[in-house]
């Protein structure tokens, strides 16, 4: 039986791939692990009690600084809220 951390990480991976997906790879074969490094960090943050704002700042850093993507059209605010809600269940 998977532990709580593993379940959270699976949910985060799914949200990142299907709701966030800033580089548009969710429909590509072999893309299931594309955001795993971010999912691990975000899962750690969630389990440590991160706020919605902290989750947003991490997603924004990943998009704008790490990936170098433009700031318009980001789904980071909505995704941060969805991730934060994982801690409410």
PDB file of N, CA and C in Angstrom:
ATOM      1  N   UNK A   1       0.840  -1.188   0.000  1.00  0.00           N
ATOM      2  CA  UNK A   1       0.000   0.000   0.000  1.00  0.00           C
ATOM      3  C   UNK A   1       0.887   1.254   0.000  1.00  0.00           C
ATOM      4  N   UNK A   2       0.625   2.185  -0.937  1.00  0.00           N
ATOM      5  CA  UNK A   2       1.461   3.393  -1.014  1.00  0.00           C
ATOM      6  C   UNK A   2       1.304   4.262   0.234  1.00  0.00           C
ATOM      7  N   UNK A   3       2.401   4.900   0.632  1.00  0.00           N
ATOM      8  CA  UNK A   3       2.330   5.789   1.789  1.00  0.00           C
ATOM      9  C   UNK A   3       1.788   7.164   1.374  1.00  0.00           C
ATOM     10  N   UNK A   4       1.505   7.986   2.366  1.00  0.00           N
ATOM     11  CA  UNK A   4       0.905   9.299   2.141  1.00  0.00           C
ATOM     12  C   UNK A   4       1.765  10.157   1.220  1.00  0.00           C
ATOM     13  N   UNK A   5       3.065  10.157   1.423  1.00  0.00           N
ATOM     14  CA  UNK A   5       3.972  10.954   0.602  1.00  0.00           C
ATOM     15  C   UNK A   5       3.882  10.539  -0.855  1.00  0.00           C
ATOM     16  N   UNK A   6       3.859   9.237  -1.090  1.00  0.00           N
ATOM     17  CA  UNK A   6       3.792   8.719  -2.458  1.00  0.00           C
ATOM     18  C   UNK A   6       2.469   9.110  -3.115  1.00  0.00           C
ATOM     19  N   UNK A   7       1.381   9.040  -2.381  1.00  0.00           N
ATOM     20  CA  UNK A   7       0.074   9.429  -2.922  1.00  0.00           C
ATOM     21  C   UNK A   7       0.034  10.909  -3.286  1.00  0.00           C
ATOM     22  N   UNK A   8       0.585  11.757  -2.412  1.00  0.00           N
ATOM     23  CA  UNK A   8       0.649  13.192  -2.691  1.00  0.00           C
ATOM     24  C   UNK A   8       1.480  13.436  -3.945  1.00  0.00           C
ATOM     25  N   UNK A   9       2.624  12.780  -4.036  1.00  0.00           N
ATOM     26  CA  UNK A   9       3.495  12.991  -5.191  1.00  0.00           C
ATOM     27  C   UNK A   9       2.811  12.551  -6.486  1.00  0.00           C
ATOM     28  N   UNK A  10       2.064  11.468  -6.452  1.00  0.00           N
ATOM     29  CA  UNK A  10       1.336  11.027  -7.644  1.00  0.00           C
ATOM     30  C   UNK A  10       0.293  12.061  -8.060  1.00  0.00           C
ATOM     31  N   UNK A  11      -0.421  12.620  -7.086  1.00  0.00           N
ATOM     32  CA  UNK A  11      -1.428  13.645  -7.383  1.00  0.00           C
ATOM     33  C   UNK A  11      -0.769  14.902  -7.946  1.00  0.00           C
ATOM     34  N   UNK A  12       0.364  15.276  -7.376  1.00  0.00           N
ATOM     35  CA  UNK A  12       1.093  16.454  -7.859  1.00  0.00           C
ATOM     36  C   UNK A  12       1.572  16.216  -9.297  1.00  0.00           C
ATOM     37  N   UNK A  13       2.120  15.044  -9.563  1.00  0.00           N
ATOM     38  CA  UNK A  13       2.574  14.721 -10.922  1.00  0.00           C
ATOM     39  C   UNK A  13       1.428  14.857 -11.920  1.00  0.00           C
ATOM     40  N   UNK A  14       0.271  14.347 -11.553  1.00  0.00           N
ATOM     41  CA  UNK A  14      -0.890  14.411 -12.440  1.00  0.00           C
ATOM     42  C   UNK A  14      -1.318  15.866 -12.686  1.00  0.00           C
ATOM     43  N   UNK A  15      -1.354  16.651 -11.634  1.00  0.00           N
ATOM     44  CA  UNK A  15      -1.736  18.069 -11.773  1.00  0.00           C
ATOM     45  C   UNK A  15      -0.730  18.813 -12.647  1.00  0.00           C
ATOM     46  N   UNK A  16       0.539  18.571 -12.433  1.00  0.00           N
ATOM     47  CA  UNK A  16       1.550  19.272 -13.235  1.00  0.00           C
ATOM     48  C   UNK A  16       1.445  18.896 -14.706  1.00  0.00           C
ATOM     49  N   UNK A  17       1.233  17.633 -14.990  1.00  0.00           N
ATOM     50  CA  UNK A  17       1.185  17.187 -16.377  1.00  0.00           C
ATOM     51  C   UNK A  17      -0.094  17.621 -17.084  1.00  0.00           C
ATOM     52  N   UNK A  18      -1.214  17.610 -16.385  1.00  0.00           N
ATOM     53  CA  UNK A  18      -2.489  17.862 -17.053  1.00  0.00           C
ATOM     54  C   UNK A  18      -3.048  19.267 -16.849  1.00  0.00           C
ATOM     55  N   UNK A  19      -2.669  19.936 -15.775  1.00  0.00           N
ATOM     56  CA  UNK A  19      -3.205  21.273 -15.510  1.00  0.00           C
ATOM     57  C   UNK A  19      -2.182  22.383 -15.732  1.00  0.00           C
ATOM     58  N   UNK A  20      -0.927  22.099 -15.469  1.00  0.00           N
ATOM     59  CA  UNK A  20       0.130  23.107 -15.587  1.00  0.00           C
ATOM     60  C   UNK A  20       0.773  23.015 -16.969  1.00  0.00           C
ATOM     61  N   UNK A  21       1.522  21.989 -17.241  1.00  0.00           N
ATOM     62  CA  UNK A  21       2.139  21.665 -18.534  1.00  0.00           C
ATOM     63  C   UNK A  21       2.582  22.892 -19.341  1.00  0.00           C
ATOM     64  N   UNK A  22       3.500  23.687 -18.815  1.00  0.00           N
ATOM     65  CA  UNK A  22       3.881  24.935 -19.501  1.00  0.00           C
ATOM     66  C   UNK A  22       4.580  24.735 -20.847  1.00  0.00           C
ATOM     67  N   UNK A  23       5.133  23.554 -21.087  1.00  0.00           N
ATOM     68  CA  UNK A  23       5.809  23.334 -22.376  1.00  0.00           C
ATOM     69  C   UNK A  23       4.977  22.469 -23.319  1.00  0.00           C
ATOM     70  N   UNK A  24       3.761  22.109 -22.907  1.00  0.00           N
ATOM     71  CA  UNK A  24       2.830  21.427 -23.792  1.00  0.00           C
ATOM     72  C   UNK A  24       3.210  20.024 -24.205  1.00  0.00           C
ATOM     73  N   UNK A  25       3.636  19.211 -23.254  1.00  0.00           N
ATOM     74  CA  UNK A  25       4.063  17.851 -23.595  1.00  0.00           C
ATOM     75  C   UNK A  25       3.089  16.761 -23.129  1.00  0.00           C
ATOM     76  N   UNK A  26       1.992  17.127 -22.525  1.00  0.00           N
ATOM     77  CA  UNK A  26       1.125  16.117 -21.902  1.00  0.00           C
ATOM     78  C   UNK A  26       0.594  15.074 -22.873  1.00  0.00           C
ATOM     79  N   UNK A  27       0.479  15.415 -24.137  1.00  0.00           N
ATOM     80  CA  UNK A  27      -0.053  14.479 -25.127  1.00  0.00           C
ATOM     81  C   UNK A  27       1.028  13.630 -25.802  1.00  0.00           C
ATOM     82  N   UNK A  28       2.282  13.894 -25.499  1.00  0.00           N
ATOM     83  CA  UNK A  28       3.374  13.163 -26.139  1.00  0.00           C
ATOM     84  C   UNK A  28       3.660  11.848 -25.421  1.00  0.00           C
ATOM     85  N   UNK A  29       3.967  10.817 -26.197  1.00  0.00           N
ATOM     86  CA  UNK A  29       4.377   9.544 -25.609  1.00  0.00           C
ATOM     87  C   UNK A  29       5.667   9.754 -24.828  1.00  0.00           C
ATOM     88  N   UNK A  30       5.753   9.149 -23.675  1.00  0.00           N
ATOM     89  CA  UNK A  30       6.959   9.234 -22.870  1.00  0.00           C
ATOM     90  C   UNK A  30       7.093  10.496 -22.049  1.00  0.00           C
ATOM     91  N   UNK A  31       6.051  11.317 -21.995  1.00  0.00           N
ATOM     92  CA  UNK A  31       6.142  12.585 -21.261  1.00  0.00           C
ATOM     93  C   UNK A  31       5.663  12.472 -19.815  1.00  0.00           C
ATOM     94  N   UNK A  32       5.266  11.293 -19.394  1.00  0.00           N
ATOM     95  CA  UNK A  32       4.696  11.150 -18.054  1.00  0.00           C
ATOM     96  C   UNK A  32       5.635  11.606 -16.945  1.00  0.00           C
ATOM     97  N   UNK A  33       6.932  11.516 -17.171  1.00  0.00           N
ATOM     98  CA  UNK A  33       7.893  11.882 -16.121  1.00  0.00           C
ATOM     99  C   UNK A  33       8.506  13.276 -16.339  1.00  0.00           C
ATOM    100  N   UNK A  34       7.976  14.032 -17.270  1.00  0.00           N
ATOM    101  CA  UNK A  34       8.568  15.326 -17.651  1.00  0.00           C
ATOM    102  C   UNK A  34       8.721  16.291 -16.475  1.00  0.00           C
ATOM    103  N   UNK A  35       7.771  16.295 -15.570  1.00  0.00           N
ATOM    104  CA  UNK A  35       7.783  17.265 -14.470  1.00  0.00           C
ATOM    105  C   UNK A  35       8.056  16.609 -13.112  1.00  0.00           C
ATOM    106  N   UNK A  36       8.637  15.420 -13.125  1.00  0.00           N
ATOM    107  CA  UNK A  36       8.858  14.682 -11.870  1.00  0.00           C
ATOM    108  C   UNK A  36       9.744  15.431 -10.870  1.00  0.00           C
ATOM    109  N   UNK A  37      10.777  16.103 -11.340  1.00  0.00           N
ATOM    110  CA  UNK A  37      11.643  16.835 -10.406  1.00  0.00           C
ATOM    111  C   UNK A  37      10.871  17.946  -9.702  1.00  0.00           C
ATOM    112  N   UNK A  38      10.037  18.635 -10.462  1.00  0.00           N
ATOM    113  CA  UNK A  38       9.195  19.673  -9.858  1.00  0.00           C
ATOM    114  C   UNK A  38       8.173  19.051  -8.907  1.00  0.00           C
ATOM    115  N   UNK A  39       7.626  17.900  -9.296  1.00  0.00           N
ATOM    116  CA  UNK A  39       6.628  17.226  -8.459  1.00  0.00           C
ATOM    117  C   UNK A  39       7.226  16.830  -7.113  1.00  0.00           C
ATOM    118  N   UNK A  40       8.460  16.353  -7.121  1.00  0.00           N
ATOM    119  CA  UNK A  40       9.110  15.980  -5.854  1.00  0.00           C
ATOM    120  C   UNK A  40       9.293  17.202  -4.962  1.00  0.00           C
ATOM    121  N   UNK A  41       9.768  18.279  -5.539  1.00  0.00           N
ATOM    122  CA  UNK A  41       9.969  19.497  -4.747  1.00  0.00           C
ATOM    123  C   UNK A  41       8.651  20.032  -4.208  1.00  0.00           C
ATOM    124  N   UNK A  42       7.633  20.068  -5.054  1.00  0.00           N
ATOM    125  CA  UNK A  42       6.329  20.574  -4.621  1.00  0.00           C
ATOM    126  C   UNK A  42       5.694  19.664  -3.577  1.00  0.00           C
ATOM    127  N   UNK A  43       5.882  18.371  -3.711  1.00  0.00           N
ATOM    128  CA  UNK A  43       5.361  17.430  -2.705  1.00  0.00           C
ATOM    129  C   UNK A  43       6.032  17.672  -1.363  1.00  0.00           C
ATOM    130  N   UNK A  44       7.333  17.850  -1.389  1.00  0.00           N
ATOM    131  CA  UNK A  44       8.060  18.166  -0.154  1.00  0.00           C
ATOM    132  C   UNK A  44       7.534  19.455   0.469  1.00  0.00           C
ATOM    133  N   UNK A  45       7.311  20.445  -0.378  1.00  0.00           N
ATOM    134  CA  UNK A  45       6.789  21.728   0.109  1.00  0.00           C
ATOM    135  C   UNK A  45       5.408  21.549   0.742  1.00  0.00           C
ATOM    136  N   UNK A  46       4.533  20.811   0.064  1.00  0.00           N
ATOM    137  CA  UNK A  46       3.189  20.574   0.590  1.00  0.00           C
ATOM    138  C   UNK A  46       3.234  19.866   1.940  1.00  0.00           C
ATOM    139  N   UNK A  47       4.052  18.838   2.021  1.00  0.00           N
ATOM    140  CA  UNK A  47       4.144  18.066   3.260  1.00  0.00           C
ATOM    141  C   UNK A  47       4.776  18.869   4.392  1.00  0.00           C
ATOM    142  N   UNK A  48       5.527  19.903   4.037  1.00  0.00           N
ATOM    143  CA  UNK A  48       6.140  20.777   5.040  1.00  0.00           C
ATOM    144  C   UNK A  48       5.226  21.938   5.415  1.00  0.00           C
ATOM    145  N   UNK A  49       4.038  22.002   4.789  1.00  0.00           N
ATOM    146  CA  UNK A  49       3.079  23.041   5.143  1.00  0.00           C
ATOM    147  C   UNK A  49       3.188  24.326   4.347  1.00  0.00           C
ATOM    148  N   UNK A  50       3.676  24.249   3.117  1.00  0.00           N
ATOM    149  CA  UNK A  50       3.823  25.447   2.289  1.00  0.00           C
ATOM    150  C   UNK A  50       2.479  26.125   2.047  1.00  0.00           C
ATOM    151  N   UNK A  51       2.530  27.425   1.911  1.00  0.00           N
ATOM    152  CA  UNK A  51       1.327  28.198   1.603  1.00  0.00           C
ATOM    153  C   UNK A  51       1.067  28.153   0.097  1.00  0.00           C
ATOM    154  N   UNK A  52      -0.119  28.576  -0.287  1.00  0.00           N
ATOM    155  CA  UNK A  52      -0.456  28.664  -1.704  1.00  0.00           C
ATOM    156  C   UNK A  52       0.489  29.635  -2.419  1.00  0.00           C
ATOM    157  N   UNK A  53       0.833  30.728  -1.751  1.00  0.00           N
ATOM    158  CA  UNK A  53       1.758  31.697  -2.322  1.00  0.00           C
ATOM    159  C   UNK A  53       3.138  31.117  -2.556  1.00  0.00           C
ATOM    160  N   UNK A  54       3.604  30.304  -1.636  1.00  0.00           N
ATOM    161  CA  UNK A  54       4.918  29.661  -1.808  1.00  0.00           C
ATOM    162  C   UNK A  54       4.894  28.687  -2.988  1.00  0.00           C
ATOM    163  N   UNK A  55       3.791  27.970  -3.132  1.00  0.00           N
ATOM    164  CA  UNK A  55       3.662  27.048  -4.263  1.00  0.00           C
ATOM    165  C   UNK A  55       3.650  27.831  -5.580  1.00  0.00           C
ATOM    166  N   UNK A  56       2.910  28.939  -5.602  1.00  0.00           N
ATOM    167  CA  UNK A  56       2.880  29.785  -6.789  1.00  0.00           C
ATOM    168  C   UNK A  56       4.287  30.296  -7.135  1.00  0.00           C
ATOM    169  N   UNK A  57       5.003  30.786  -6.144  1.00  0.00           N
ATOM    170  CA  UNK A  57       6.344  31.325  -6.406  1.00  0.00           C
ATOM    171  C   UNK A  57       7.275  30.250  -6.972  1.00  0.00           C
ATOM    172  N   UNK A  58       7.139  29.026  -6.483  1.00  0.00           N
ATOM    173  CA  UNK A  58       7.971  27.942  -7.013  1.00  0.00           C
ATOM    174  C   UNK A  58       7.607  27.658  -8.474  1.00  0.00           C
ATOM    175  N   UNK A  59       6.308  27.556  -8.768  1.00  0.00           N
ATOM    176  CA  UNK A  59       5.876  27.305 -10.142  1.00  0.00           C
ATOM    177  C   UNK A  59       6.315  28.440 -11.069  1.00  0.00           C
ATOM    178  N   UNK A  60       6.176  29.675 -10.605  1.00  0.00           N
ATOM    179  CA  UNK A  60       6.594  30.823 -11.406  1.00  0.00           C
ATOM    180  C   UNK A  60       8.097  30.781 -11.651  1.00  0.00           C
ATOM    181  N   UNK A  61       8.882  30.460 -10.630  1.00  0.00           N
ATOM    182  CA  UNK A  61      10.331  30.321 -10.808  1.00  0.00           C
ATOM    183  C   UNK A  61      10.631  29.256 -11.856  1.00  0.00           C
ATOM    184  N   UNK A  62       9.948  28.111 -11.759  1.00  0.00           N
ATOM    185  CA  UNK A  62      10.193  27.015 -12.699  1.00  0.00           C
ATOM    186  C   UNK A  62       9.913  27.456 -14.137  1.00  0.00           C
ATOM    187  N   UNK A  63       8.796  28.129 -14.324  1.00  0.00           N
ATOM    188  CA  UNK A  63       8.415  28.575 -15.671  1.00  0.00           C
ATOM    189  C   UNK A  63       9.319  29.676 -16.208  1.00  0.00           C
ATOM    190  N   UNK A  64       9.464  30.740 -15.435  1.00  0.00           N
ATOM    191  CA  UNK A  64      10.099  31.949 -15.950  1.00  0.00           C
ATOM    192  C   UNK A  64      11.615  31.932 -15.843  1.00  0.00           C
ATOM    193  N   UNK A  65      12.120  31.426 -14.741  1.00  0.00           N
ATOM    194  CA  UNK A  65      13.574  31.433 -14.532  1.00  0.00           C
ATOM    195  C   UNK A  65      14.219  30.146 -15.040  1.00  0.00           C
ATOM    196  N   UNK A  66      13.720  29.025 -14.605  1.00  0.00           N
ATOM    197  CA  UNK A  66      14.351  27.747 -14.944  1.00  0.00           C
ATOM    198  C   UNK A  66      14.125  27.354 -16.401  1.00  0.00           C
ATOM    199  N   UNK A  67      12.874  27.485 -16.878  1.00  0.00           N
ATOM    200  CA  UNK A  67      12.559  27.120 -18.258  1.00  0.00           C
ATOM    201  C   UNK A  67      12.710  28.288 -19.228  1.00  0.00           C
ATOM    202  N   UNK A  68      12.721  29.506 -18.708  1.00  0.00           N
ATOM    203  CA  UNK A  68      12.866  30.689 -19.551  1.00  0.00           C
ATOM    204  C   UNK A  68      11.646  31.000 -20.406  1.00  0.00           C
ATOM    205  N   UNK A  69      10.465  30.627 -19.929  1.00  0.00           N
ATOM    206  CA  UNK A  69       9.239  30.864 -20.690  1.00  0.00           C
ATOM    207  C   UNK A  69       8.708  32.268 -20.445  1.00  0.00           C
ATOM    208  N   UNK A  70       7.918  32.793 -21.384  1.00  0.00           N
ATOM    209  CA  UNK A  70       7.332  34.124 -21.190  1.00  0.00           C
ATOM    210  C   UNK A  70       6.290  34.112 -20.075  1.00  0.00           C
ATOM    211  N   UNK A  71       6.069  35.267 -19.478  1.00  0.00           N
ATOM    212  CA  UNK A  71       5.175  35.370 -18.333  1.00  0.00           C
ATOM    213  C   UNK A  71       3.691  35.362 -18.692  1.00  0.00           C
ATOM    214  N   UNK A  72       3.329  35.693 -19.902  1.00  0.00           N
ATOM    215  CA  UNK A  72       1.912  35.723 -20.240  1.00  0.00           C
ATOM    216  C   UNK A  72       1.382  34.296 -20.413  1.00  0.00           C
ATOM    217  N   UNK A  73       0.133  34.118 -20.043  1.00  0.00           N
ATOM    218  CA  UNK A  73      -0.521  32.829 -20.216  1.00  0.00           C
ATOM    219  C   UNK A  73      -0.198  31.782 -19.174  1.00  0.00           C
ATOM    220  N   UNK A  74       0.450  32.166 -18.090  1.00  0.00           N
ATOM    221  CA  UNK A  74       0.817  31.180 -17.079  1.00  0.00           C
ATOM    222  C   UNK A  74      -0.423  30.633 -16.376  1.00  0.00           C
ATOM    223  N   UNK A  75      -0.377  29.363 -16.072  1.00  0.00           N
ATOM    224  CA  UNK A  75      -1.432  28.718 -15.289  1.00  0.00           C
ATOM    225  C   UNK A  75      -0.989  28.515 -13.836  1.00  0.00           C
ATOM    226  N   UNK A  76       0.141  29.095 -13.482  1.00  0.00           N
ATOM    227  CA  UNK A  76       0.702  28.901 -12.146  1.00  0.00           C
ATOM    228  C   UNK A  76      -0.252  29.278 -11.012  1.00  0.00           C
ATOM    229  N   UNK A  77      -0.990  30.388 -11.074  1.00  0.00           N
ATOM    230  CA  UNK A  77      -1.877  30.720  -9.949  1.00  0.00           C
ATOM    231  C   UNK A  77      -2.967  29.672  -9.714  1.00  0.00           C
ATOM    232  N   UNK A  78      -3.584  29.216 -10.778  1.00  0.00           N
ATOM    233  CA  UNK A  78      -4.647  28.211 -10.655  1.00  0.00           C
ATOM    234  C   UNK A  78      -4.073  26.872 -10.184  1.00  0.00           C
ATOM    235  N   UNK A  79      -2.922  26.513 -10.703  1.00  0.00           N
ATOM    236  CA  UNK A  79      -2.287  25.252 -10.329  1.00  0.00           C
ATOM    237  C   UNK A  79      -1.825  25.296  -8.873  1.00  0.00           C
ATOM    238  N   UNK A  80      -1.285  26.414  -8.442  1.00  0.00           N
ATOM    239  CA  UNK A  80      -0.878  26.547  -7.041  1.00  0.00           C
ATOM    240  C   UNK A  80      -2.074  26.344  -6.118  1.00  0.00           C
ATOM    241  N   UNK A  81      -3.199  26.912  -6.491  1.00  0.00           N
ATOM    242  CA  UNK A  81      -4.420  26.754  -5.685  1.00  0.00           C
ATOM    243  C   UNK A  81      -4.850  25.285  -5.657  1.00  0.00           C
ATOM    244  N   UNK A  82      -4.813  24.627  -6.802  1.00  0.00           N
ATOM    245  CA  UNK A  82      -5.204  23.215  -6.868  1.00  0.00           C
ATOM    246  C   UNK A  82      -4.254  22.346  -6.043  1.00  0.00           C
ATOM    247  N   UNK A  83      -2.964  22.627  -6.121  1.00  0.00           N
ATOM    248  CA  UNK A  83      -1.992  21.886  -5.327  1.00  0.00           C
ATOM    249  C   UNK A  83      -2.236  22.107  -3.828  1.00  0.00           C
ATOM    250  N   UNK A  84      -2.470  23.344  -3.455  1.00  0.00           N
ATOM    251  CA  UNK A  84      -2.691  23.658  -2.048  1.00  0.00           C
ATOM    252  C   UNK A  84      -3.898  22.912  -1.501  1.00  0.00           C
ATOM    253  N   UNK A  85      -4.913  22.744  -2.318  1.00  0.00           N
ATOM    254  CA  UNK A  85      -6.116  22.033  -1.896  1.00  0.00           C
ATOM    255  C   UNK A  85      -5.861  20.555  -1.610  1.00  0.00           C
ATOM    256  N   UNK A  86      -4.776  20.018  -2.126  1.00  0.00           N
ATOM    257  CA  UNK A  86      -4.439  18.625  -1.810  1.00  0.00           C
ATOM    258  C   UNK A  86      -4.228  18.422  -0.318  1.00  0.00           C
ATOM    259  N   UNK A  87      -3.799  19.474   0.360  1.00  0.00           N
ATOM    260  CA  UNK A  87      -3.538  19.355   1.797  1.00  0.00           C
ATOM    261  C   UNK A  87      -4.827  19.431   2.610  1.00  0.00           C
ATOM    262  N   UNK A  88      -5.918  19.817   1.969  1.00  0.00           N
ATOM    263  CA  UNK A  88      -7.197  19.957   2.679  1.00  0.00           C
ATOM    264  C   UNK A  88      -7.984  18.656   2.693  1.00  0.00           C
ATOM    265  N   UNK A  89      -7.537  17.658   1.946  1.00  0.00           N
ATOM    266  CA  UNK A  89      -8.284  16.402   1.883  1.00  0.00           C
ATOM    267  C   UNK A  89      -7.690  15.341   2.757  1.00  0.00           C
TER     268      UNK A  89
END
